[in-house]
């Protein structure tokens, strides 16, 4: 299972990283509701987000496709827990958006519960 997830993540990273090296509107470091940070890489319609929880000793990867200012993301790697996570992000501008959790199970592993929203602000 770990090997499959790792291979899937490598393929997703290569897909997101392929193409010309240019900055997209949503590339950068974002902060979720004044708390954890998320690194975003957008390449055309591909959207990759890496969540780095402070002092947690792990990271999480999310992938989705962007359509205008809306993104639906799903968890590629959510460790160390076996958590299923999906969310939508609606960007109001290139520096602010709203994340709404559409599914997160088991709920005990989730910062935000299904249906909850938080503001994303670009910090860099």
PDB file of N, CA and C in Angstrom:
ATOM      1  N   UNK A   1       0.820  -1.192   0.000  1.00  0.00           N
ATOM      2  CA  UNK A   1       0.000   0.000   0.000  1.00  0.00           C
ATOM      3  C   UNK A   1       0.865   1.257   0.000  1.00  0.00           C
ATOM      4  N   UNK A   2       1.897   1.265   0.857  1.00  0.00           N
ATOM      5  CA  UNK A   2       2.779   2.432   0.913  1.00  0.00           C
ATOM      6  C   UNK A   2       3.479   2.650  -0.414  1.00  0.00           C
ATOM      7  N   UNK A   3       3.910   1.552  -1.050  1.00  0.00           N
ATOM      8  CA  UNK A   3       4.596   1.663  -2.338  1.00  0.00           C
ATOM      9  C   UNK A   3       3.654   2.237  -3.392  1.00  0.00           C
ATOM     10  N   UNK A   4       2.399   1.802  -3.390  1.00  0.00           N
ATOM     11  CA  UNK A   4       1.416   2.307  -4.340  1.00  0.00           C
ATOM     12  C   UNK A   4       1.184   3.794  -4.130  1.00  0.00           C
ATOM     13  N   UNK A   5       1.025   4.212  -2.875  1.00  0.00           N
ATOM     14  CA  UNK A   5       0.839   5.635  -2.588  1.00  0.00           C
ATOM     15  C   UNK A   5       2.051   6.442  -3.006  1.00  0.00           C
ATOM     16  N   UNK A   6       3.246   5.915  -2.715  1.00  0.00           N
ATOM     17  CA  UNK A   6       4.471   6.630  -3.075  1.00  0.00           C
ATOM     18  C   UNK A   6       4.561   6.784  -4.590  1.00  0.00           C
ATOM     19  N   UNK A   7       4.298   5.706  -5.332  1.00  0.00           N
ATOM     20  CA  UNK A   7       4.358   5.782  -6.791  1.00  0.00           C
ATOM     21  C   UNK A   7       3.328   6.756  -7.350  1.00  0.00           C
ATOM     22  N   UNK A   8       2.130   6.741  -6.774  1.00  0.00           N
ATOM     23  CA  UNK A   8       1.091   7.661  -7.207  1.00  0.00           C
ATOM     24  C   UNK A   8       1.509   9.106  -6.957  1.00  0.00           C
ATOM     25  N   UNK A   9       2.099   9.359  -5.786  1.00  0.00           N
ATOM     26  CA  UNK A   9       2.555  10.706  -5.445  1.00  0.00           C
ATOM     27  C   UNK A   9       3.650  11.165  -6.393  1.00  0.00           C
ATOM     28  N   UNK A  10       4.602  10.290  -6.707  1.00  0.00           N
ATOM     29  CA  UNK A  10       5.682  10.645  -7.629  1.00  0.00           C
ATOM     30  C   UNK A  10       5.107  10.999  -8.994  1.00  0.00           C
ATOM     31  N   UNK A  11       4.161  10.203  -9.480  1.00  0.00           N
ATOM     32  CA  UNK A  11       3.523  10.498 -10.775  1.00  0.00           C
ATOM     33  C   UNK A  11       2.796  11.834 -10.735  1.00  0.00           C
ATOM     34  N   UNK A  12       2.093  12.091  -9.652  1.00  0.00           N
ATOM     35  CA  UNK A  12       1.368  13.360  -9.529  1.00  0.00           C
ATOM     36  C   UNK A  12       2.326  14.537  -9.500  1.00  0.00           C
ATOM     37  N   UNK A  13       3.427  14.404  -8.764  1.00  0.00           N
ATOM     38  CA  UNK A  13       4.414  15.487  -8.698  1.00  0.00           C
ATOM     39  C   UNK A  13       5.041  15.737 -10.062  1.00  0.00           C
ATOM     40  N   UNK A  14       5.362  14.665 -10.787  1.00  0.00           N
ATOM     41  CA  UNK A  14       5.934  14.832 -12.119  1.00  0.00           C
ATOM     42  C   UNK A  14       4.943  15.471 -13.078  1.00  0.00           C
ATOM     43  N   UNK A  15       3.678  15.093 -12.975  1.00  0.00           N
ATOM     44  CA  UNK A  15       2.652  15.697 -13.817  1.00  0.00           C
ATOM     45  C   UNK A  15       2.510  17.177 -13.509  1.00  0.00           C
ATOM     46  N   UNK A  16       2.463  17.510 -12.221  1.00  0.00           N
ATOM     47  CA  UNK A  16       2.303  18.909 -11.823  1.00  0.00           C
ATOM     48  C   UNK A  16       3.542  19.723 -12.153  1.00  0.00           C
ATOM     49  N   UNK A  17       4.719  19.086 -12.141  1.00  0.00           N
ATOM     50  CA  UNK A  17       5.968  19.816 -12.357  1.00  0.00           C
ATOM     51  C   UNK A  17       6.358  19.902 -13.819  1.00  0.00           C
ATOM     52  N   UNK A  18       5.715  19.139 -14.707  1.00  0.00           N
ATOM     53  CA  UNK A  18       6.091  19.174 -16.112  1.00  0.00           C
ATOM     54  C   UNK A  18       5.562  20.432 -16.769  1.00  0.00           C
ATOM     55  N   UNK A  19       6.216  20.832 -17.849  1.00  0.00           N
ATOM     56  CA  UNK A  19       5.791  22.021 -18.559  1.00  0.00           C
ATOM     57  C   UNK A  19       6.718  23.179 -18.279  1.00  0.00           C
ATOM     58  N   UNK A  20       6.427  24.333 -18.860  1.00  0.00           N
ATOM     59  CA  UNK A  20       7.316  25.481 -18.695  1.00  0.00           C
ATOM     60  C   UNK A  20       7.374  25.949 -17.244  1.00  0.00           C
ATOM     61  N   UNK A  21       8.537  26.426 -16.857  1.00  0.00           N
ATOM     62  CA  UNK A  21       8.719  26.922 -15.487  1.00  0.00           C
ATOM     63  C   UNK A  21       8.254  28.367 -15.422  1.00  0.00           C
ATOM     64  N   UNK A  22       7.046  28.571 -14.975  1.00  0.00           N
ATOM     65  CA  UNK A  22       6.509  29.920 -14.825  1.00  0.00           C
ATOM     66  C   UNK A  22       5.597  29.944 -13.616  1.00  0.00           C
ATOM     67  N   UNK A  23       5.444  31.102 -13.080  1.00  0.00           N
ATOM     68  CA  UNK A  23       4.593  31.238 -11.899  1.00  0.00           C
ATOM     69  C   UNK A  23       3.132  31.327 -12.312  1.00  0.00           C
ATOM     70  N   UNK A  24       2.308  30.583 -11.619  1.00  0.00           N
ATOM     71  CA  UNK A  24       0.864  30.611 -11.840  1.00  0.00           C
ATOM     72  C   UNK A  24       0.237  31.459 -10.733  1.00  0.00           C
ATOM     73  N   UNK A  25      -1.000  31.915 -10.909  1.00  0.00           N
ATOM     74  CA  UNK A  25      -1.613  32.830  -9.929  1.00  0.00           C
ATOM     75  C   UNK A  25      -1.695  32.294  -8.508  1.00  0.00           C
ATOM     76  N   UNK A  26      -1.842  30.973  -8.340  1.00  0.00           N
ATOM     77  CA  UNK A  26      -2.046  30.446  -6.991  1.00  0.00           C
ATOM     78  C   UNK A  26      -0.797  29.799  -6.397  1.00  0.00           C
ATOM     79  N   UNK A  27       0.332  29.827  -7.118  1.00  0.00           N
ATOM     80  CA  UNK A  27       1.587  29.298  -6.585  1.00  0.00           C
ATOM     81  C   UNK A  27       1.985  30.074  -5.339  1.00  0.00           C
ATOM     82  N   UNK A  28       2.514  29.373  -4.341  1.00  0.00           N
ATOM     83  CA  UNK A  28       3.029  30.067  -3.167  1.00  0.00           C
ATOM     84  C   UNK A  28       2.724  29.355  -1.868  1.00  0.00           C
ATOM     85  N   UNK A  29       2.902  30.099  -0.791  1.00  0.00           N
ATOM     86  CA  UNK A  29       2.648  29.590   0.556  1.00  0.00           C
ATOM     87  C   UNK A  29       1.364  30.230   1.058  1.00  0.00           C
ATOM     88  N   UNK A  30       0.451  29.399   1.512  1.00  0.00           N
ATOM     89  CA  UNK A  30      -0.852  29.837   1.991  1.00  0.00           C
ATOM     90  C   UNK A  30      -1.001  29.444   3.451  1.00  0.00           C
ATOM     91  N   UNK A  31      -1.789  30.220   4.188  1.00  0.00           N
ATOM     92  CA  UNK A  31      -2.067  29.893   5.581  1.00  0.00           C
ATOM     93  C   UNK A  31      -3.557  29.626   5.729  1.00  0.00           C
ATOM     94  N   UNK A  32      -3.873  28.525   6.407  1.00  0.00           N
ATOM     95  CA  UNK A  32      -5.258  28.104   6.594  1.00  0.00           C
ATOM     96  C   UNK A  32      -5.784  28.633   7.912  1.00  0.00           C
ATOM     97  N   UNK A  33      -6.670  29.616   7.846  1.00  0.00           N
ATOM     98  CA  UNK A  33      -7.339  30.143   9.037  1.00  0.00           C
ATOM     99  C   UNK A  33      -6.419  30.604  10.145  1.00  0.00           C
ATOM    100  N   UNK A  34      -5.270  31.156   9.830  1.00  0.00           N
ATOM    101  CA  UNK A  34      -4.344  31.604  10.861  1.00  0.00           C
ATOM    102  C   UNK A  34      -3.571  30.478  11.519  1.00  0.00           C
ATOM    103  N   UNK A  35      -3.693  29.257  10.981  1.00  0.00           N
ATOM    104  CA  UNK A  35      -3.032  28.098  11.564  1.00  0.00           C
ATOM    105  C   UNK A  35      -1.987  27.502  10.649  1.00  0.00           C
ATOM    106  N   UNK A  36      -2.204  26.252  10.190  1.00  0.00           N
ATOM    107  CA  UNK A  36      -1.190  25.542   9.412  1.00  0.00           C
ATOM    108  C   UNK A  36      -0.924  26.170   8.050  1.00  0.00           C
ATOM    109  N   UNK A  37       0.260  25.866   7.513  1.00  0.00           N
ATOM    110  CA  UNK A  37       0.670  26.379   6.211  1.00  0.00           C
ATOM    111  C   UNK A  37       0.526  25.318   5.135  1.00  0.00           C
ATOM    112  N   UNK A  38       0.267  25.769   3.908  1.00  0.00           N
ATOM    113  CA  UNK A  38       0.103  24.899   2.755  1.00  0.00           C
ATOM    114  C   UNK A  38       0.934  25.478   1.618  1.00  0.00           C
ATOM    115  N   UNK A  39       1.754  24.639   0.982  1.00  0.00           N
ATOM    116  CA  UNK A  39       2.514  25.056  -0.191  1.00  0.00           C
ATOM    117  C   UNK A  39       1.727  24.616  -1.417  1.00  0.00           C
ATOM    118  N   UNK A  40       1.471  25.551  -2.330  1.00  0.00           N
ATOM    119  CA  UNK A  40       0.661  25.275  -3.514  1.00  0.00           C
ATOM    120  C   UNK A  40       1.508  25.409  -4.773  1.00  0.00           C
ATOM    121  N   UNK A  41       1.365  24.436  -5.668  1.00  0.00           N
ATOM    122  CA  UNK A  41       1.976  24.491  -6.994  1.00  0.00           C
ATOM    123  C   UNK A  41       0.875  24.268  -8.010  1.00  0.00           C
ATOM    124  N   UNK A  42       0.639  25.271  -8.825  1.00  0.00           N
ATOM    125  CA  UNK A  42      -0.353  25.174  -9.891  1.00  0.00           C
ATOM    126  C   UNK A  42       0.385  25.135 -11.214  1.00  0.00           C
ATOM    127  N   UNK A  43       0.028  24.195 -12.072  1.00  0.00           N
ATOM    128  CA  UNK A  43       0.587  24.125 -13.417  1.00  0.00           C
ATOM    129  C   UNK A  43      -0.581  23.944 -14.367  1.00  0.00           C
ATOM    130  N   UNK A  44      -1.016  25.049 -14.934  1.00  0.00           N
ATOM    131  CA  UNK A  44      -2.204  25.002 -15.780  1.00  0.00           C
ATOM    132  C   UNK A  44      -3.397  24.589 -14.947  1.00  0.00           C
ATOM    133  N   UNK A  45      -4.045  23.488 -15.331  1.00  0.00           N
ATOM    134  CA  UNK A  45      -5.222  23.015 -14.604  1.00  0.00           C
ATOM    135  C   UNK A  45      -4.867  22.101 -13.432  1.00  0.00           C
ATOM    136  N   UNK A  46      -3.597  21.692 -13.325  1.00  0.00           N
ATOM    137  CA  UNK A  46      -3.179  20.816 -12.222  1.00  0.00           C
ATOM    138  C   UNK A  46      -2.885  21.632 -10.974  1.00  0.00           C
ATOM    139  N   UNK A  47      -3.356  21.137  -9.848  1.00  0.00           N
ATOM    140  CA  UNK A  47      -3.232  21.844  -8.579  1.00  0.00           C
ATOM    141  C   UNK A  47      -2.712  20.860  -7.543  1.00  0.00           C
ATOM    142  N   UNK A  48      -1.542  21.140  -6.981  1.00  0.00           N
ATOM    143  CA  UNK A  48      -0.929  20.289  -5.973  1.00  0.00           C
ATOM    144  C   UNK A  48      -0.708  21.110  -4.714  1.00  0.00           C
ATOM    145  N   UNK A  49      -1.127  20.591  -3.577  1.00  0.00           N
ATOM    146  CA  UNK A  49      -0.951  21.276  -2.299  1.00  0.00           C
ATOM    147  C   UNK A  49      -0.272  20.339  -1.312  1.00  0.00           C
ATOM    148  N   UNK A  50       0.726  20.849  -0.615  1.00  0.00           N
ATOM    149  CA  UNK A  50       1.437  20.098   0.419  1.00  0.00           C
ATOM    150  C   UNK A  50       1.186  20.806   1.744  1.00  0.00           C
ATOM    151  N   UNK A  51       0.601  20.085   2.685  1.00  0.00           N
ATOM    152  CA  UNK A  51       0.278  20.622   4.014  1.00  0.00           C
ATOM    153  C   UNK A  51       1.387  20.209   4.970  1.00  0.00           C
ATOM    154  N   UNK A  52       1.946  21.182   5.687  1.00  0.00           N
ATOM    155  CA  UNK A  52       3.036  20.935   6.623  1.00  0.00           C
ATOM    156  C   UNK A  52       2.595  21.309   8.030  1.00  0.00           C
ATOM    157  N   UNK A  53       1.943  20.389   8.743  1.00  0.00           N
ATOM    158  CA  UNK A  53       1.499  20.709  10.102  1.00  0.00           C
ATOM    159  C   UNK A  53       2.691  20.960  11.024  1.00  0.00           C
ATOM    160  N   UNK A  54       2.637  22.029  11.776  1.00  0.00           N
ATOM    161  CA  UNK A  54       3.724  22.383  12.689  1.00  0.00           C
ATOM    162  C   UNK A  54       3.888  21.328  13.776  1.00  0.00           C
ATOM    163  N   UNK A  55       5.113  20.911  14.004  1.00  0.00           N
ATOM    164  CA  UNK A  55       5.475  19.988  15.089  1.00  0.00           C
ATOM    165  C   UNK A  55       4.737  18.659  15.046  1.00  0.00           C
ATOM    166  N   UNK A  56       4.280  18.235  13.894  1.00  0.00           N
ATOM    167  CA  UNK A  56       3.545  16.977  13.820  1.00  0.00           C
ATOM    168  C   UNK A  56       4.409  15.836  13.286  1.00  0.00           C
ATOM    169  N   UNK A  57       5.539  16.128  12.631  1.00  0.00           N
ATOM    170  CA  UNK A  57       6.429  15.092  12.144  1.00  0.00           C
ATOM    171  C   UNK A  57       5.956  14.380  10.890  1.00  0.00           C
ATOM    172  N   UNK A  58       5.006  14.925  10.167  1.00  0.00           N
ATOM    173  CA  UNK A  58       4.533  14.336   8.921  1.00  0.00           C
ATOM    174  C   UNK A  58       4.060  15.436   7.990  1.00  0.00           C
ATOM    175  N   UNK A  59       3.719  15.067   6.768  1.00  0.00           N
ATOM    176  CA  UNK A  59       3.177  16.023   5.803  1.00  0.00           C
ATOM    177  C   UNK A  59       2.061  15.330   5.030  1.00  0.00           C
ATOM    178  N   UNK A  60       1.285  16.126   4.320  1.00  0.00           N
ATOM    179  CA  UNK A  60       0.140  15.609   3.575  1.00  0.00           C
ATOM    180  C   UNK A  60       0.145  16.205   2.175  1.00  0.00           C
ATOM    181  N   UNK A  61      -0.237  15.424   1.182  1.00  0.00           N
ATOM    182  CA  UNK A  61      -0.293  15.897  -0.192  1.00  0.00           C
ATOM    183  C   UNK A  61      -1.719  15.780  -0.725  1.00  0.00           C
ATOM    184  N   UNK A  62      -2.130  16.808  -1.462  1.00  0.00           N
ATOM    185  CA  UNK A  62      -3.473  16.861  -2.048  1.00  0.00           C
ATOM    186  C   UNK A  62      -3.354  17.269  -3.508  1.00  0.00           C
ATOM    187  N   UNK A  63      -4.181  16.679  -4.360  1.00  0.00           N
ATOM    188  CA  UNK A  63      -4.129  16.963  -5.791  1.00  0.00           C
ATOM    189  C   UNK A  63      -5.532  17.196  -6.318  1.00  0.00           C
ATOM    190  N   UNK A  64      -5.640  18.089  -7.294  1.00  0.00           N
ATOM    191  CA  UNK A  64      -6.929  18.333  -7.916  1.00  0.00           C
ATOM    192  C   UNK A  64      -6.770  19.101  -9.207  1.00  0.00           C
ATOM    193  N   UNK A  65      -7.878  19.411  -9.811  1.00  0.00           N
ATOM    194  CA  UNK A  65      -7.893  20.189 -11.044  1.00  0.00           C
ATOM    195  C   UNK A  65      -8.615  21.499 -10.796  1.00  0.00           C
ATOM    196  N   UNK A  66      -8.035  22.559 -11.339  1.00  0.00           N
ATOM    197  CA  UNK A  66      -8.616  23.883 -11.153  1.00  0.00           C
ATOM    198  C   UNK A  66      -9.467  24.229 -12.375  1.00  0.00           C
ATOM    199  N   UNK A  67     -10.626  24.794 -12.116  1.00  0.00           N
ATOM    200  CA  UNK A  67     -11.535  25.234 -13.158  1.00  0.00           C
ATOM    201  C   UNK A  67     -11.961  26.649 -12.793  1.00  0.00           C
ATOM    202  N   UNK A  68     -11.460  27.625 -13.549  1.00  0.00           N
ATOM    203  CA  UNK A  68     -11.657  29.047 -13.223  1.00  0.00           C
ATOM    204  C   UNK A  68     -11.051  29.300 -11.843  1.00  0.00           C
ATOM    205  N   UNK A  69     -11.846  29.636 -10.846  1.00  0.00           N
ATOM    206  CA  UNK A  69     -11.337  29.895  -9.500  1.00  0.00           C
ATOM    207  C   UNK A  69     -11.750  28.828  -8.501  1.00  0.00           C
ATOM    208  N   UNK A  70     -12.143  27.661  -8.989  1.00  0.00           N
ATOM    209  CA  UNK A  70     -12.584  26.575  -8.113  1.00  0.00           C
ATOM    210  C   UNK A  70     -11.701  25.347  -8.284  1.00  0.00           C
ATOM    211  N   UNK A  71     -11.391  24.706  -7.159  1.00  0.00           N
ATOM    212  CA  UNK A  71     -10.564  23.497  -7.161  1.00  0.00           C
ATOM    213  C   UNK A  71     -11.229  22.452  -6.276  1.00  0.00           C
ATOM    214  N   UNK A  72     -11.287  21.233  -6.759  1.00  0.00           N
ATOM    215  CA  UNK A  72     -11.669  20.105  -5.923  1.00  0.00           C
ATOM    216  C   UNK A  72     -10.415  19.291  -5.659  1.00  0.00           C
ATOM    217  N   UNK A  73     -10.036  19.110  -4.403  1.00  0.00           N
ATOM    218  CA  UNK A  73      -8.814  18.364  -4.074  1.00  0.00           C
ATOM    219  C   UNK A  73      -9.152  17.099  -3.295  1.00  0.00           C
ATOM    220  N   UNK A  74      -8.316  16.093  -3.486  1.00  0.00           N
ATOM    221  CA  UNK A  74      -8.425  14.845  -2.726  1.00  0.00           C
ATOM    222  C   UNK A  74      -7.053  14.521  -2.164  1.00  0.00           C
ATOM    223  N   UNK A  75      -7.035  13.773  -1.075  1.00  0.00           N
ATOM    224  CA  UNK A  75      -5.772  13.417  -0.450  1.00  0.00           C
ATOM    225  C   UNK A  75      -5.046  12.372  -1.283  1.00  0.00           C
ATOM    226  N   UNK A  76      -3.761  12.627  -1.549  1.00  0.00           N
ATOM    227  CA  UNK A  76      -2.894  11.638  -2.174  1.00  0.00           C
ATOM    228  C   UNK A  76      -2.174  10.857  -1.089  1.00  0.00           C
ATOM    229  N   UNK A  77      -1.706  11.592  -0.109  1.00  0.00           N
ATOM    230  CA  UNK A  77      -0.974  10.997   0.998  1.00  0.00           C
ATOM    231  C   UNK A  77      -1.348  11.762   2.252  1.00  0.00           C
ATOM    232  N   UNK A  78      -1.899  11.077   3.191  1.00  0.00           N
ATOM    233  CA  UNK A  78      -2.361  11.698   4.432  1.00  0.00           C
ATOM    234  C   UNK A  78      -1.816  10.806   5.534  1.00  0.00           C
ATOM    235  N   UNK A  79      -0.644  11.163   6.056  1.00  0.00           N
ATOM    236  CA  UNK A  79      -0.003  10.278   7.018  1.00  0.00           C
ATOM    237  C   UNK A  79       0.166  10.968   8.353  1.00  0.00           C
ATOM    238  N   UNK A  80       0.363  10.281   9.449  1.00  0.00           N
ATOM    239  CA  UNK A  80       0.534   8.839   9.548  1.00  0.00           C
ATOM    240  C   UNK A  80      -0.790   8.094   9.663  1.00  0.00           C
ATOM    241  N   UNK A  81      -1.899   8.793   9.539  1.00  0.00           N
ATOM    242  CA  UNK A  81      -3.211   8.178   9.710  1.00  0.00           C
ATOM    243  C   UNK A  81      -3.776   7.733   8.376  1.00  0.00           C
ATOM    244  N   UNK A  82      -4.653   6.754   8.385  1.00  0.00           N
ATOM    245  CA  UNK A  82      -5.348   6.327   7.177  1.00  0.00           C
ATOM    246  C   UNK A  82      -6.631   7.144   7.074  1.00  0.00           C
ATOM    247  N   UNK A  83      -6.474   8.365   6.616  1.00  0.00           N
ATOM    248  CA  UNK A  83      -7.584   9.307   6.558  1.00  0.00           C
ATOM    249  C   UNK A  83      -7.935   9.603   5.110  1.00  0.00           C
ATOM    250  N   UNK A  84      -9.212   9.612   4.803  1.00  0.00           N
ATOM    251  CA  UNK A  84      -9.695  10.002   3.483  1.00  0.00           C
ATOM    252  C   UNK A  84     -10.156  11.442   3.575  1.00  0.00           C
ATOM    253  N   UNK A  85      -9.655  12.281   2.667  1.00  0.00           N
ATOM    254  CA  UNK A  85      -9.920  13.711   2.760  1.00  0.00           C
ATOM    255  C   UNK A  85     -10.219  14.268   1.380  1.00  0.00           C
ATOM    256  N   UNK A  86     -11.253  15.073   1.286  1.00  0.00           N
ATOM    257  CA  UNK A  86     -11.527  15.827   0.062  1.00  0.00           C
ATOM    258  C   UNK A  86     -12.115  17.180   0.453  1.00  0.00           C
ATOM    259  N   UNK A  87     -11.863  18.161  -0.412  1.00  0.00           N
ATOM    260  CA  UNK A  87     -12.325  19.521  -0.126  1.00  0.00           C
ATOM    261  C   UNK A  87     -12.481  20.285  -1.425  1.00  0.00           C
ATOM    262  N   UNK A  88     -13.204  21.380  -1.340  1.00  0.00           N
ATOM    263  CA  UNK A  88     -13.267  22.326  -2.452  1.00  0.00           C
ATOM    264  C   UNK A  88     -12.643  23.632  -1.987  1.00  0.00           C
ATOM    265  N   UNK A  89     -11.986  24.291  -2.915  1.00  0.00           N
ATOM    266  CA  UNK A  89     -11.407  25.604  -2.640  1.00  0.00           C
ATOM    267  C   UNK A  89     -11.969  26.565  -3.672  1.00  0.00           C
ATOM    268  N   UNK A  90     -12.500  27.662  -3.195  1.00  0.00           N
ATOM    269  CA  UNK A  90     -12.979  28.730  -4.075  1.00  0.00           C
ATOM    270  C   UNK A  90     -12.128  29.947  -3.803  1.00  0.00           C
ATOM    271  N   UNK A  91     -11.382  30.364  -4.831  1.00  0.00           N
ATOM    272  CA  UNK A  91     -10.513  31.526  -4.698  1.00  0.00           C
ATOM    273  C   UNK A  91     -11.287  32.796  -5.038  1.00  0.00           C
ATOM    274  N   UNK A  92     -11.319  33.744  -4.093  1.00  0.00           N
ATOM    275  CA  UNK A  92     -11.936  35.034  -4.347  1.00  0.00           C
ATOM    276  C   UNK A  92     -10.963  35.961  -5.086  1.00  0.00           C
ATOM    277  N   UNK A  93      -9.663  35.704  -4.932  1.00  0.00           N
ATOM    278  CA  UNK A  93      -8.617  36.471  -5.603  1.00  0.00           C
ATOM    279  C   UNK A  93      -7.361  35.603  -5.634  1.00  0.00           C
ATOM    280  N   UNK A  94      -6.268  36.141  -6.162  1.00  0.00           N
ATOM    281  CA  UNK A  94      -5.021  35.366  -6.192  1.00  0.00           C
ATOM    282  C   UNK A  94      -4.338  35.338  -4.829  1.00  0.00           C
ATOM    283  N   UNK A  95      -4.954  35.970  -3.819  1.00  0.00           N
ATOM    284  CA  UNK A  95      -4.354  35.974  -2.481  1.00  0.00           C
ATOM    285  C   UNK A  95      -5.311  35.533  -1.369  1.00  0.00           C
ATOM    286  N   UNK A  96      -6.545  35.154  -1.724  1.00  0.00           N
ATOM    287  CA  UNK A  96      -7.494  34.706  -0.706  1.00  0.00           C
ATOM    288  C   UNK A  96      -8.467  33.697  -1.295  1.00  0.00           C
ATOM    289  N   UNK A  97      -8.799  32.691  -0.480  1.00  0.00           N
ATOM    290  CA  UNK A  97      -9.751  31.671  -0.889  1.00  0.00           C
ATOM    291  C   UNK A  97     -10.466  31.098   0.317  1.00  0.00           C
ATOM    292  N   UNK A  98     -11.448  30.256   0.045  1.00  0.00           N
ATOM    293  CA  UNK A  98     -12.185  29.573   1.106  1.00  0.00           C
ATOM    294  C   UNK A  98     -12.137  28.081   0.847  1.00  0.00           C
ATOM    295  N   UNK A  99     -11.672  27.326   1.829  1.00  0.00           N
ATOM    296  CA  UNK A  99     -11.628  25.870   1.761  1.00  0.00           C
ATOM    297  C   UNK A  99     -12.840  25.322   2.504  1.00  0.00           C
ATOM    298  N   UNK A 100     -13.563  24.413   1.859  1.00  0.00           N
ATOM    299  CA  UNK A 100     -14.696  23.740   2.495  1.00  0.00           C
ATOM    300  C   UNK A 100     -14.471  22.230   2.409  1.00  0.00           C
ATOM    301  N   UNK A 101     -14.494  21.572   3.546  1.00  0.00           N
ATOM    302  CA  UNK A 101     -14.270  20.126   3.607  1.00  0.00           C
ATOM    303  C   UNK A 101     -15.526  19.410   3.120  1.00  0.00           C
ATOM    304  N   UNK A 102     -15.354  18.532   2.123  1.00  0.00           N
ATOM    305  CA  UNK A 102     -16.489  17.755   1.622  1.00  0.00           C
ATOM    306  C   UNK A 102     -16.509  16.342   2.205  1.00  0.00           C
ATOM    307  N   UNK A 103     -15.335  15.860   2.664  1.00  0.00           N
ATOM    308  CA  UNK A 103     -15.283  14.554   3.321  1.00  0.00           C
ATOM    309  C   UNK A 103     -13.975  14.437   4.091  1.00  0.00           C
ATOM    310  N   UNK A 104     -14.056  13.986   5.323  1.00  0.00           N
ATOM    311  CA  UNK A 104     -12.871  13.683   6.111  1.00  0.00           C
ATOM    312  C   UNK A 104     -13.233  12.594   7.111  1.00  0.00           C
ATOM    313  N   UNK A 105     -12.658  11.407   6.887  1.00  0.00           N
ATOM    314  CA  UNK A 105     -12.935  10.286   7.774  1.00  0.00           C
ATOM    315  C   UNK A 105     -11.647   9.528   8.070  1.00  0.00           C
ATOM    316  N   UNK A 106     -11.449   9.040   9.266  1.00  0.00           N
ATOM    317  CA  UNK A 106     -12.283   9.207  10.447  1.00  0.00           C
ATOM    318  C   UNK A 106     -12.183  10.628  11.000  1.00  0.00           C
ATOM    319  N   UNK A 107     -13.270  11.134  11.517  1.00  0.00           N
ATOM    320  CA  UNK A 107     -13.376  12.523  11.965  1.00  0.00           C
ATOM    321  C   UNK A 107     -12.364  12.881  13.045  1.00  0.00           C
ATOM    322  N   UNK A 108     -11.951  11.918  13.859  1.00  0.00           N
ATOM    323  CA  UNK A 108     -11.000  12.192  14.938  1.00  0.00           C
ATOM    324  C   UNK A 108      -9.643  12.661  14.409  1.00  0.00           C
ATOM    325  N   UNK A 109      -9.316  12.369  13.140  1.00  0.00           N
ATOM    326  CA  UNK A 109      -8.033  12.761  12.550  1.00  0.00           C
ATOM    327  C   UNK A 109      -8.102  14.075  11.789  1.00  0.00           C
ATOM    328  N   UNK A 110      -9.239  14.750  11.806  1.00  0.00           N
ATOM    329  CA  UNK A 110      -9.460  15.910  10.941  1.00  0.00           C
ATOM    330  C   UNK A 110      -9.388  17.221  11.715  1.00  0.00           C
ATOM    331  N   UNK A 111      -8.644  18.177  11.167  1.00  0.00           N
ATOM    332  CA  UNK A 111      -8.585  19.515  11.751  1.00  0.00           C
ATOM    333  C   UNK A 111      -9.935  20.200  11.566  1.00  0.00           C
ATOM    334  N   UNK A 112     -10.473  20.103  10.351  1.00  0.00           N
ATOM    335  CA  UNK A 112     -11.811  20.609  10.041  1.00  0.00           C
ATOM    336  C   UNK A 112     -12.709  19.422   9.736  1.00  0.00           C
ATOM    337  N   UNK A 113     -13.922  19.462  10.217  1.00  0.00           N
ATOM    338  CA  UNK A 113     -14.882  18.387   9.991  1.00  0.00           C
ATOM    339  C   UNK A 113     -15.625  18.601   8.671  1.00  0.00           C
ATOM    340  N   UNK A 114     -16.232  17.542   8.158  1.00  0.00           N
ATOM    341  CA  UNK A 114     -16.999  17.620   6.922  1.00  0.00           C
ATOM    342  C   UNK A 114     -18.030  18.747   7.023  1.00  0.00           C
ATOM    343  N   UNK A 115     -18.031  19.617   6.013  1.00  0.00           N
ATOM    344  CA  UNK A 115     -18.961  20.748   5.976  1.00  0.00           C
ATOM    345  C   UNK A 115     -18.376  22.044   6.534  1.00  0.00           C
ATOM    346  N   UNK A 116     -17.288  21.970   7.292  1.00  0.00           N
ATOM    347  CA  UNK A 116     -16.694  23.185   7.851  1.00  0.00           C
ATOM    348  C   UNK A 116     -15.827  23.890   6.812  1.00  0.00           C
ATOM    349  N   UNK A 117     -15.690  25.209   6.972  1.00  0.00           N
ATOM    350  CA  UNK A 117     -14.898  26.030   6.055  1.00  0.00           C
ATOM    351  C   UNK A 117     -13.854  26.821   6.818  1.00  0.00           C
ATOM    352  N   UNK A 118     -12.819  27.229   6.100  1.00  0.00           N
ATOM    353  CA  UNK A 118     -11.786  28.094   6.655  1.00  0.00           C
ATOM    354  C   UNK A 118     -11.237  28.975   5.542  1.00  0.00           C
ATOM    355  N   UNK A 119     -10.767  30.153   5.921  1.00  0.00           N
ATOM    356  CA  UNK A 119     -10.200  31.098   4.971  1.00  0.00           C
ATOM    357  C   UNK A 119      -8.750  30.748   4.714  1.00  0.00           C
ATOM    358  N   UNK A 120      -8.344  30.779   3.449  1.00  0.00           N
ATOM    359  CA  UNK A 120      -6.952  30.621   3.049  1.00  0.00           C
ATOM    360  C   UNK A 120      -6.423  31.985   2.638  1.00  0.00           C
ATOM    361  N   UNK A 121      -5.259  32.359   3.147  1.00  0.00           N
ATOM    362  CA  UNK A 121      -4.625  33.632   2.776  1.00  0.00           C
ATOM    363  C   UNK A 121      -3.207  33.362   2.293  1.00  0.00           C
ATOM    364  N   UNK A 122      -2.869  33.942   1.172  1.00  0.00           N
ATOM    365  CA  UNK A 122      -1.528  33.777   0.629  1.00  0.00           C
ATOM    366  C   UNK A 122      -0.556  34.641   1.430  1.00  0.00           C
ATOM    367  N   UNK A 123       0.515  34.010   1.915  1.00  0.00           N
ATOM    368  CA  UNK A 123       1.510  34.755   2.694  1.00  0.00           C
ATOM    369  C   UNK A 123       2.807  34.972   1.920  1.00  0.00           C
ATOM    370  N   UNK A 124       2.985  34.203   0.846  1.00  0.00           N
ATOM    371  CA  UNK A 124       4.185  34.390   0.006  1.00  0.00           C
ATOM    372  C   UNK A 124       3.914  33.855  -1.366  1.00  0.00           C
TER     373      UNK A 124
END
